[in-house]
Amino acid sequence: MLIYSAISSVDGYIEDESGEFGWAEPDDEVHAFINELERPVGTYLYGRRMYETMAAWETVESNPYAEIWRAADKIVYSRTLDSVASARTRIERDFDPQAVRRLKEEGDVSVGGAGLAAEAIRAGLVDEYQVFLVPIVVGGGKRAFADGLQLELELLDERRFDSGFVYLRYRQR
């Protein structure tokens, strides 16, 4: 299964107009929930910018998510990145839908980053959408879903957190 998971403002942005996303940092309750969702993921697919953000987990000590992240394989799609800063990580120059289909047969795969997710969505590869809404409106920035995408979704699960975060899980109809 290929999962696109995103933490988004209520108005649909994963970064604000300044490229900041500190407002999206989950509290302990939400992070523990995310850890349980991420535990079965065997491979993460990232674009360069998302990988550079996530690579910080390689050196975080005594953190359940860091352990989950380090245990998974990572594939970074980039034409500019020359090397990686984490174990179990390789660079691919081009997104290959057939290779991703083969990965899905091996187990759960997660795609991170709106641009790469849009490629996977357009290729018909994403099986599930996990969206965490942050109780904030940022008014602009980088959208969680690319312009031009039209998806009819079926709600599979939802959860509300004390912090105001809301988890929504969908599959395409």
N, C-alpha and C. Protein backbone atom coordinates (compact mmCIF):
# COMPACT_ATOMS: atom_id res chain seq x y z
N MET A 1 0.85 -1.17 0.00
CA MET A 1 0.00 0.00 0.00
C MET A 1 0.89 1.23 0.00
N LEU A 2 0.53 2.24 -0.79
CA LEU A 2 1.22 3.52 -0.80
C LEU A 2 0.35 4.54 -0.10
N ILE A 3 0.94 5.21 0.90
CA ILE A 3 0.23 6.15 1.76
C ILE A 3 0.83 7.55 1.57
N TYR A 4 -0.03 8.53 1.34
CA TYR A 4 0.41 9.91 1.37
C TYR A 4 -0.09 10.48 2.68
N SER A 5 0.85 10.90 3.51
CA SER A 5 0.53 11.47 4.81
C SER A 5 1.03 12.91 4.84
N ALA A 6 0.19 13.82 5.33
CA ALA A 6 0.57 15.23 5.38
C ALA A 6 -0.02 15.89 6.61
N ILE A 7 0.73 16.84 7.15
CA ILE A 7 0.24 17.70 8.22
C ILE A 7 -0.03 19.05 7.56
N SER A 8 -1.28 19.49 7.64
CA SER A 8 -1.72 20.64 6.87
C SER A 8 -2.48 21.63 7.74
N SER A 9 -2.39 22.90 7.37
CA SER A 9 -3.27 23.90 7.98
C SER A 9 -4.70 23.60 7.53
N VAL A 10 -5.66 24.18 8.22
CA VAL A 10 -7.06 23.97 7.85
C VAL A 10 -7.33 24.43 6.42
N ASP A 11 -6.59 25.44 5.97
CA ASP A 11 -6.79 25.92 4.60
C ASP A 11 -5.90 25.20 3.57
N GLY A 12 -5.29 24.08 3.97
CA GLY A 12 -4.67 23.19 3.01
C GLY A 12 -3.20 23.38 2.71
N TYR A 13 -2.45 24.05 3.58
CA TYR A 13 -1.04 24.31 3.32
C TYR A 13 -0.14 23.51 4.25
N ILE A 14 0.98 23.01 3.69
CA ILE A 14 1.97 22.29 4.50
C ILE A 14 3.13 23.19 4.89
N GLU A 15 3.23 24.33 4.22
CA GLU A 15 4.19 25.39 4.55
C GLU A 15 3.46 26.72 4.35
N ASP A 16 3.83 27.72 5.16
CA ASP A 16 3.23 29.03 4.93
C ASP A 16 3.99 29.77 3.83
N GLU A 17 3.64 31.00 3.55
CA GLU A 17 4.26 31.75 2.45
C GLU A 17 5.75 31.99 2.65
N SER A 18 6.23 31.90 3.90
CA SER A 18 7.65 32.07 4.18
C SER A 18 8.42 30.75 4.13
N GLY A 19 7.71 29.66 3.83
CA GLY A 19 8.36 28.35 3.81
C GLY A 19 8.46 27.73 5.19
N GLU A 20 7.81 28.34 6.17
CA GLU A 20 7.85 27.84 7.55
C GLU A 20 6.75 26.82 7.78
N PHE A 21 7.02 25.89 8.70
CA PHE A 21 6.01 24.90 9.07
C PHE A 21 6.09 24.55 10.55
N GLY A 22 6.75 25.37 11.35
CA GLY A 22 6.84 25.14 12.79
C GLY A 22 5.47 25.07 13.45
N TRP A 23 4.51 25.76 12.87
CA TRP A 23 3.14 25.74 13.38
C TRP A 23 2.51 24.36 13.28
N ALA A 24 3.11 23.46 12.49
CA ALA A 24 2.56 22.12 12.28
C ALA A 24 3.15 21.08 13.21
N GLU A 25 4.00 21.48 14.13
CA GLU A 25 4.64 20.50 15.01
C GLU A 25 3.60 19.84 15.91
N PRO A 26 3.52 18.51 15.84
CA PRO A 26 2.52 17.81 16.65
C PRO A 26 2.93 17.75 18.12
N ASP A 27 1.94 17.76 19.00
CA ASP A 27 2.22 17.59 20.42
C ASP A 27 2.45 16.09 20.70
N ASP A 28 2.71 15.75 21.95
CA ASP A 28 3.03 14.36 22.31
C ASP A 28 1.91 13.39 21.96
N GLU A 29 0.66 13.77 22.17
CA GLU A 29 -0.47 12.88 21.88
C GLU A 29 -0.54 12.58 20.38
N VAL A 30 -0.43 13.62 19.56
CA VAL A 30 -0.50 13.43 18.10
C VAL A 30 0.73 12.66 17.63
N HIS A 31 1.90 12.99 18.18
CA HIS A 31 3.12 12.30 17.74
C HIS A 31 3.06 10.81 18.07
N ALA A 32 2.53 10.45 19.22
CA ALA A 32 2.40 9.03 19.57
C ALA A 32 1.47 8.32 18.58
N PHE A 33 0.41 8.99 18.17
CA PHE A 33 -0.52 8.43 17.19
C PHE A 33 0.18 8.26 15.84
N ILE A 34 0.93 9.27 15.43
CA ILE A 34 1.68 9.19 14.17
C ILE A 34 2.67 8.02 14.22
N ASN A 35 3.34 7.85 15.35
CA ASN A 35 4.29 6.74 15.49
C ASN A 35 3.62 5.41 15.20
N GLU A 36 2.43 5.21 15.69
CA GLU A 36 1.72 3.94 15.47
C GLU A 36 1.34 3.78 14.00
N LEU A 37 0.99 4.87 13.34
CA LEU A 37 0.70 4.80 11.91
C LEU A 37 1.94 4.50 11.09
N GLU A 38 3.08 5.05 11.49
CA GLU A 38 4.32 4.92 10.74
C GLU A 38 5.04 3.60 10.99
N ARG A 39 4.79 2.96 12.09
CA ARG A 39 5.52 1.74 12.46
C ARG A 39 5.55 0.68 11.36
N PRO A 40 4.44 0.40 10.63
CA PRO A 40 4.49 -0.64 9.59
C PRO A 40 5.14 -0.21 8.26
N VAL A 41 5.48 1.07 8.12
CA VAL A 41 6.04 1.54 6.86
C VAL A 41 7.46 1.01 6.70
N GLY A 42 7.70 0.34 5.59
CA GLY A 42 9.02 -0.23 5.32
C GLY A 42 9.90 0.66 4.48
N THR A 43 9.27 1.56 3.69
CA THR A 43 10.03 2.43 2.80
C THR A 43 9.36 3.80 2.73
N TYR A 44 10.20 4.83 2.82
CA TYR A 44 9.74 6.21 2.65
C TYR A 44 10.25 6.72 1.30
N LEU A 45 9.38 7.36 0.55
CA LEU A 45 9.74 8.01 -0.70
C LEU A 45 9.72 9.51 -0.47
N TYR A 46 10.82 10.18 -0.79
CA TYR A 46 10.93 11.62 -0.54
C TYR A 46 11.46 12.35 -1.76
N GLY A 47 11.03 13.58 -1.92
CA GLY A 47 11.73 14.51 -2.77
C GLY A 47 12.90 15.06 -1.96
N ARG A 48 13.79 15.81 -2.62
CA ARG A 48 15.00 16.30 -1.95
C ARG A 48 14.68 17.17 -0.73
N ARG A 49 13.79 18.14 -0.88
CA ARG A 49 13.52 19.05 0.24
C ARG A 49 12.93 18.32 1.44
N MET A 50 11.99 17.40 1.20
CA MET A 50 11.40 16.65 2.31
C MET A 50 12.46 15.77 2.97
N TYR A 51 13.30 15.15 2.16
CA TYR A 51 14.37 14.32 2.73
C TYR A 51 15.29 15.16 3.61
N GLU A 52 15.69 16.32 3.12
CA GLU A 52 16.59 17.17 3.91
C GLU A 52 15.96 17.57 5.24
N THR A 53 14.65 17.75 5.27
CA THR A 53 13.95 18.04 6.52
C THR A 53 13.94 16.82 7.43
N MET A 54 13.63 15.67 6.85
CA MET A 54 13.48 14.45 7.65
C MET A 54 14.81 13.85 8.10
N ALA A 55 15.89 14.12 7.39
CA ALA A 55 17.19 13.53 7.70
C ALA A 55 17.66 13.86 9.12
N ALA A 56 17.11 14.90 9.72
CA ALA A 56 17.47 15.24 11.10
C ALA A 56 17.17 14.08 12.06
N TRP A 57 16.18 13.23 11.72
CA TRP A 57 15.84 12.09 12.59
C TRP A 57 16.95 11.06 12.67
N GLU A 58 17.91 11.12 11.76
CA GLU A 58 19.02 10.16 11.76
C GLU A 58 19.86 10.28 13.02
N THR A 59 19.95 11.48 13.59
CA THR A 59 20.83 11.70 14.73
C THR A 59 20.10 11.97 16.04
N VAL A 60 18.77 11.96 16.03
CA VAL A 60 18.00 12.19 17.26
C VAL A 60 18.10 10.95 18.13
N GLU A 61 18.45 11.14 19.38
CA GLU A 61 18.60 10.03 20.33
C GLU A 61 17.33 9.82 21.14
N SER A 62 17.09 8.61 21.54
CA SER A 62 16.01 8.24 22.48
C SER A 62 14.65 8.84 22.09
N ASN A 63 14.27 8.62 20.86
CA ASN A 63 12.98 9.12 20.38
C ASN A 63 12.31 8.02 19.59
N PRO A 64 11.08 7.65 19.95
CA PRO A 64 10.42 6.54 19.25
C PRO A 64 10.29 6.76 17.74
N TYR A 65 9.96 7.99 17.31
CA TYR A 65 9.82 8.21 15.88
C TYR A 65 11.17 8.08 15.17
N ALA A 66 12.23 8.59 15.79
CA ALA A 66 13.55 8.49 15.18
C ALA A 66 13.92 7.02 14.95
N GLU A 67 13.59 6.17 15.90
CA GLU A 67 13.88 4.74 15.76
C GLU A 67 13.08 4.13 14.61
N ILE A 68 11.82 4.52 14.49
CA ILE A 68 10.97 4.04 13.39
C ILE A 68 11.55 4.50 12.06
N TRP A 69 11.93 5.76 11.99
CA TRP A 69 12.46 6.34 10.75
C TRP A 69 13.77 5.67 10.34
N ARG A 70 14.66 5.47 11.29
CA ARG A 70 15.95 4.84 10.98
C ARG A 70 15.79 3.39 10.54
N ALA A 71 14.76 2.70 11.01
CA ALA A 71 14.55 1.30 10.66
C ALA A 71 14.01 1.10 9.25
N ALA A 72 13.50 2.15 8.65
CA ALA A 72 12.90 2.04 7.31
C ALA A 72 13.92 2.39 6.22
N ASP A 73 13.68 1.87 5.03
CA ASP A 73 14.45 2.27 3.86
C ASP A 73 13.93 3.63 3.39
N LYS A 74 14.81 4.40 2.78
CA LYS A 74 14.44 5.70 2.25
C LYS A 74 14.93 5.81 0.81
N ILE A 75 14.06 6.31 -0.07
CA ILE A 75 14.45 6.59 -1.45
C ILE A 75 14.21 8.08 -1.68
N VAL A 76 15.26 8.77 -2.12
CA VAL A 76 15.18 10.20 -2.36
C VAL A 76 15.21 10.42 -3.88
N TYR A 77 14.19 11.09 -4.40
CA TYR A 77 14.13 11.39 -5.82
C TYR A 77 14.68 12.79 -6.02
N SER A 78 15.86 12.86 -6.65
CA SER A 78 16.51 14.15 -6.84
C SER A 78 17.50 14.07 -7.99
N ARG A 79 17.52 15.11 -8.78
CA ARG A 79 18.52 15.21 -9.85
C ARG A 79 19.72 16.04 -9.41
N THR A 80 19.63 16.64 -8.20
CA THR A 80 20.70 17.54 -7.76
C THR A 80 21.46 17.01 -6.55
N LEU A 81 20.87 16.14 -5.77
CA LEU A 81 21.52 15.64 -4.56
C LEU A 81 22.61 14.64 -4.94
N ASP A 82 23.81 14.84 -4.38
CA ASP A 82 24.94 13.96 -4.69
C ASP A 82 25.13 12.85 -3.66
N SER A 83 24.75 13.12 -2.41
CA SER A 83 24.93 12.12 -1.37
C SER A 83 23.83 12.28 -0.32
N VAL A 84 23.71 11.26 0.53
CA VAL A 84 22.68 11.27 1.57
C VAL A 84 23.35 11.23 2.93
N ALA A 85 22.60 11.69 3.94
CA ALA A 85 23.14 11.80 5.29
C ALA A 85 22.52 10.77 6.23
N SER A 86 21.95 9.71 5.68
CA SER A 86 21.30 8.72 6.53
C SER A 86 21.55 7.32 5.98
N ALA A 87 21.51 6.36 6.88
CA ALA A 87 21.64 4.95 6.50
C ALA A 87 20.37 4.49 5.79
N ARG A 88 20.47 3.37 5.11
CA ARG A 88 19.32 2.75 4.45
C ARG A 88 18.65 3.69 3.45
N THR A 89 19.46 4.53 2.81
CA THR A 89 18.93 5.57 1.92
C THR A 89 19.65 5.51 0.58
N ARG A 90 18.88 5.64 -0.49
CA ARG A 90 19.48 5.71 -1.82
C ARG A 90 18.82 6.84 -2.61
N ILE A 91 19.54 7.31 -3.60
CA ILE A 91 19.05 8.37 -4.47
C ILE A 91 18.61 7.75 -5.79
N GLU A 92 17.47 8.19 -6.28
CA GLU A 92 16.98 7.85 -7.61
C GLU A 92 16.82 9.17 -8.36
N ARG A 93 17.25 9.21 -9.59
CA ARG A 93 17.18 10.45 -10.37
C ARG A 93 15.79 10.73 -10.91
N ASP A 94 15.03 9.68 -11.21
CA ASP A 94 13.70 9.85 -11.80
C ASP A 94 12.68 9.00 -11.07
N PHE A 95 11.46 9.50 -10.97
CA PHE A 95 10.36 8.76 -10.37
C PHE A 95 9.88 7.71 -11.37
N ASP A 96 9.91 6.45 -10.96
CA ASP A 96 9.53 5.33 -11.83
C ASP A 96 8.31 4.64 -11.24
N PRO A 97 7.11 4.89 -11.79
CA PRO A 97 5.90 4.29 -11.24
C PRO A 97 5.96 2.76 -11.15
N GLN A 98 6.58 2.11 -12.12
CA GLN A 98 6.68 0.65 -12.09
C GLN A 98 7.50 0.17 -10.89
N ALA A 99 8.59 0.85 -10.59
CA ALA A 99 9.42 0.49 -9.45
C ALA A 99 8.63 0.68 -8.15
N VAL A 100 7.82 1.72 -8.09
CA VAL A 100 7.00 1.96 -6.89
C VAL A 100 5.93 0.87 -6.76
N ARG A 101 5.35 0.45 -7.86
CA ARG A 101 4.39 -0.65 -7.81
C ARG A 101 5.03 -1.91 -7.22
N ARG A 102 6.27 -2.18 -7.61
CA ARG A 102 6.98 -3.35 -7.07
C ARG A 102 7.24 -3.18 -5.57
N LEU A 103 7.59 -1.98 -5.15
CA LEU A 103 7.80 -1.71 -3.71
C LEU A 103 6.53 -1.96 -2.92
N LYS A 104 5.41 -1.55 -3.47
CA LYS A 104 4.12 -1.73 -2.78
C LYS A 104 3.82 -3.21 -2.56
N GLU A 105 4.27 -4.07 -3.44
CA GLU A 105 4.05 -5.50 -3.29
C GLU A 105 4.82 -6.06 -2.10
N GLU A 106 5.91 -5.38 -1.70
CA GLU A 106 6.75 -5.83 -0.60
C GLU A 106 6.24 -5.38 0.77
N GLY A 107 5.38 -4.36 0.81
CA GLY A 107 4.88 -3.85 2.08
C GLY A 107 4.46 -2.40 1.98
N ASP A 108 4.18 -1.81 3.15
CA ASP A 108 3.70 -0.43 3.19
C ASP A 108 4.80 0.55 2.81
N VAL A 109 4.42 1.52 1.99
CA VAL A 109 5.31 2.56 1.51
C VAL A 109 4.63 3.89 1.77
N SER A 110 5.42 4.89 2.15
CA SER A 110 4.88 6.21 2.42
C SER A 110 5.55 7.21 1.49
N VAL A 111 4.77 8.11 0.91
CA VAL A 111 5.33 9.16 0.07
C VAL A 111 5.22 10.48 0.82
N GLY A 112 6.33 11.20 0.90
CA GLY A 112 6.36 12.46 1.62
C GLY A 112 6.77 13.60 0.73
N GLY A 113 6.08 14.70 0.86
CA GLY A 113 6.35 15.88 0.04
C GLY A 113 5.27 16.02 -1.00
N ALA A 114 4.72 17.21 -1.10
CA ALA A 114 3.57 17.44 -1.97
C ALA A 114 3.88 17.22 -3.45
N GLY A 115 5.06 17.62 -3.90
CA GLY A 115 5.41 17.46 -5.30
C GLY A 115 5.53 16.01 -5.71
N LEU A 116 6.25 15.23 -4.93
CA LEU A 116 6.40 13.81 -5.22
C LEU A 116 5.06 13.09 -5.06
N ALA A 117 4.30 13.47 -4.05
CA ALA A 117 2.98 12.86 -3.86
C ALA A 117 2.09 13.12 -5.07
N ALA A 118 2.18 14.32 -5.64
CA ALA A 118 1.37 14.63 -6.82
C ALA A 118 1.72 13.70 -7.98
N GLU A 119 3.01 13.42 -8.15
CA GLU A 119 3.42 12.48 -9.21
C GLU A 119 2.82 11.10 -8.95
N ALA A 120 2.90 10.65 -7.70
CA ALA A 120 2.36 9.33 -7.36
C ALA A 120 0.85 9.28 -7.52
N ILE A 121 0.18 10.37 -7.14
CA ILE A 121 -1.29 10.43 -7.29
C ILE A 121 -1.66 10.38 -8.77
N ARG A 122 -0.98 11.17 -9.57
CA ARG A 122 -1.28 11.20 -11.02
C ARG A 122 -1.01 9.85 -11.68
N ALA A 123 -0.06 9.09 -11.13
CA ALA A 123 0.25 7.76 -11.67
C ALA A 123 -0.71 6.69 -11.14
N GLY A 124 -1.65 7.09 -10.27
CA GLY A 124 -2.62 6.14 -9.73
C GLY A 124 -2.05 5.20 -8.70
N LEU A 125 -1.00 5.63 -8.01
CA LEU A 125 -0.30 4.75 -7.07
C LEU A 125 -0.75 4.87 -5.62
N VAL A 126 -1.32 6.02 -5.24
CA VAL A 126 -1.63 6.25 -3.82
C VAL A 126 -2.92 5.51 -3.46
N ASP A 127 -2.80 4.69 -2.42
CA ASP A 127 -3.94 3.89 -1.94
C ASP A 127 -4.68 4.56 -0.80
N GLU A 128 -3.95 5.37 -0.02
CA GLU A 128 -4.55 5.94 1.17
C GLU A 128 -3.98 7.32 1.42
N TYR A 129 -4.84 8.20 1.93
CA TYR A 129 -4.46 9.57 2.26
C TYR A 129 -4.67 9.76 3.75
N GLN A 130 -3.62 10.16 4.45
CA GLN A 130 -3.71 10.43 5.89
C GLN A 130 -3.38 11.90 6.09
N VAL A 131 -4.37 12.68 6.47
CA VAL A 131 -4.20 14.11 6.60
C VAL A 131 -4.43 14.51 8.05
N PHE A 132 -3.48 15.24 8.60
CA PHE A 132 -3.61 15.81 9.94
C PHE A 132 -3.84 17.30 9.75
N LEU A 133 -5.01 17.78 10.16
CA LEU A 133 -5.32 19.20 10.08
C LEU A 133 -4.91 19.89 11.36
N VAL A 134 -4.15 20.97 11.22
CA VAL A 134 -3.69 21.78 12.34
C VAL A 134 -4.69 22.93 12.50
N PRO A 135 -5.08 23.25 13.72
CA PRO A 135 -6.07 24.32 13.91
C PRO A 135 -5.47 25.72 13.68
N ILE A 136 -5.12 25.97 12.42
CA ILE A 136 -4.55 27.26 12.04
C ILE A 136 -4.88 27.50 10.57
N VAL A 137 -5.05 28.77 10.22
CA VAL A 137 -5.18 29.18 8.83
C VAL A 137 -3.96 30.04 8.53
N VAL A 138 -3.19 29.66 7.50
CA VAL A 138 -1.96 30.40 7.20
C VAL A 138 -2.09 31.30 5.98
N GLY A 139 -3.13 31.12 5.17
CA GLY A 139 -3.43 32.05 4.09
C GLY A 139 -2.67 31.89 2.81
N GLY A 140 -1.70 30.99 2.75
CA GLY A 140 -0.95 30.79 1.52
C GLY A 140 0.32 30.02 1.80
N GLY A 141 0.97 29.59 0.73
CA GLY A 141 2.20 28.82 0.86
C GLY A 141 2.19 27.62 -0.06
N LYS A 142 2.76 26.53 0.41
CA LYS A 142 2.80 25.29 -0.38
C LYS A 142 1.61 24.43 0.00
N ARG A 143 0.83 24.06 -1.01
CA ARG A 143 -0.39 23.28 -0.79
C ARG A 143 -0.07 21.81 -0.55
N ALA A 144 -0.89 21.15 0.27
CA ALA A 144 -0.74 19.72 0.53
C ALA A 144 -1.08 18.90 -0.70
N PHE A 145 -2.00 19.40 -1.53
CA PHE A 145 -2.40 18.73 -2.77
C PHE A 145 -2.17 19.69 -3.92
N ALA A 146 -1.55 19.20 -4.97
CA ALA A 146 -1.20 20.04 -6.12
C ALA A 146 -2.45 20.57 -6.81
N ASP A 147 -2.32 21.75 -7.38
CA ASP A 147 -3.39 22.31 -8.20
C ASP A 147 -3.68 21.35 -9.36
N GLY A 148 -4.93 21.28 -9.73
CA GLY A 148 -5.32 20.46 -10.85
C GLY A 148 -5.70 19.03 -10.51
N LEU A 149 -5.39 18.60 -9.30
CA LEU A 149 -5.78 17.25 -8.89
C LEU A 149 -7.26 17.25 -8.51
N GLN A 150 -7.97 16.27 -8.98
CA GLN A 150 -9.36 16.08 -8.56
C GLN A 150 -9.49 14.65 -8.09
N LEU A 151 -9.82 14.49 -6.82
CA LEU A 151 -9.93 13.17 -6.21
C LEU A 151 -11.25 13.05 -5.50
N GLU A 152 -11.96 12.00 -5.76
CA GLU A 152 -13.17 11.70 -5.00
C GLU A 152 -12.76 10.69 -3.93
N LEU A 153 -12.91 11.08 -2.67
CA LEU A 153 -12.39 10.29 -1.56
C LEU A 153 -13.50 9.73 -0.69
N GLU A 154 -13.19 8.61 -0.08
CA GLU A 154 -14.09 7.98 0.88
C GLU A 154 -13.42 8.02 2.26
N LEU A 155 -14.12 8.56 3.24
CA LEU A 155 -13.58 8.66 4.60
C LEU A 155 -13.56 7.28 5.24
N LEU A 156 -12.38 6.87 5.73
CA LEU A 156 -12.21 5.57 6.37
C LEU A 156 -12.11 5.68 7.89
N ASP A 157 -11.55 6.80 8.36
CA ASP A 157 -11.32 6.95 9.79
C ASP A 157 -11.12 8.43 10.10
N GLU A 158 -11.38 8.78 11.34
CA GLU A 158 -11.17 10.15 11.80
C GLU A 158 -10.87 10.12 13.29
N ARG A 159 -10.13 11.11 13.74
CA ARG A 159 -9.84 11.22 15.17
C ARG A 159 -9.56 12.68 15.50
N ARG A 160 -10.07 13.08 16.62
CA ARG A 160 -9.89 14.45 17.10
C ARG A 160 -8.96 14.40 18.31
N PHE A 161 -8.03 15.34 18.41
CA PHE A 161 -7.05 15.39 19.49
C PHE A 161 -7.30 16.61 20.38
N ASP A 162 -6.87 16.54 21.63
CA ASP A 162 -7.06 17.63 22.58
C ASP A 162 -6.47 18.95 22.09
N SER A 163 -5.39 18.89 21.32
CA SER A 163 -4.72 20.09 20.81
C SER A 163 -5.51 20.79 19.71
N GLY A 164 -6.56 20.13 19.19
CA GLY A 164 -7.31 20.67 18.08
C GLY A 164 -6.94 20.05 16.75
N PHE A 165 -5.83 19.29 16.71
CA PHE A 165 -5.48 18.54 15.50
C PHE A 165 -6.63 17.59 15.18
N VAL A 166 -6.84 17.33 13.91
CA VAL A 166 -7.83 16.35 13.46
C VAL A 166 -7.15 15.44 12.44
N TYR A 167 -7.31 14.13 12.63
CA TYR A 167 -6.78 13.13 11.70
C TYR A 167 -7.91 12.64 10.82
N LEU A 168 -7.66 12.63 9.51
CA LEU A 168 -8.63 12.13 8.53
C LEU A 168 -7.92 11.12 7.64
N ARG A 169 -8.52 9.96 7.49
CA ARG A 169 -7.94 8.90 6.63
C ARG A 169 -8.93 8.58 5.52
N TYR A 170 -8.43 8.64 4.30
CA TYR A 170 -9.27 8.44 3.12
C TYR A 170 -8.65 7.42 2.17
N ARG A 171 -9.50 6.89 1.30
CA ARG A 171 -9.03 6.18 0.11
C ARG A 171 -9.81 6.76 -1.05
N GLN A 172 -9.23 6.58 -2.24
CA GLN A 172 -9.90 7.10 -3.43
C GLN A 172 -11.06 6.18 -3.79
N ARG A 173 -12.18 6.78 -4.17
CA ARG A 173 -13.36 5.99 -4.59
C ARG A 173 -13.14 5.41 -5.96
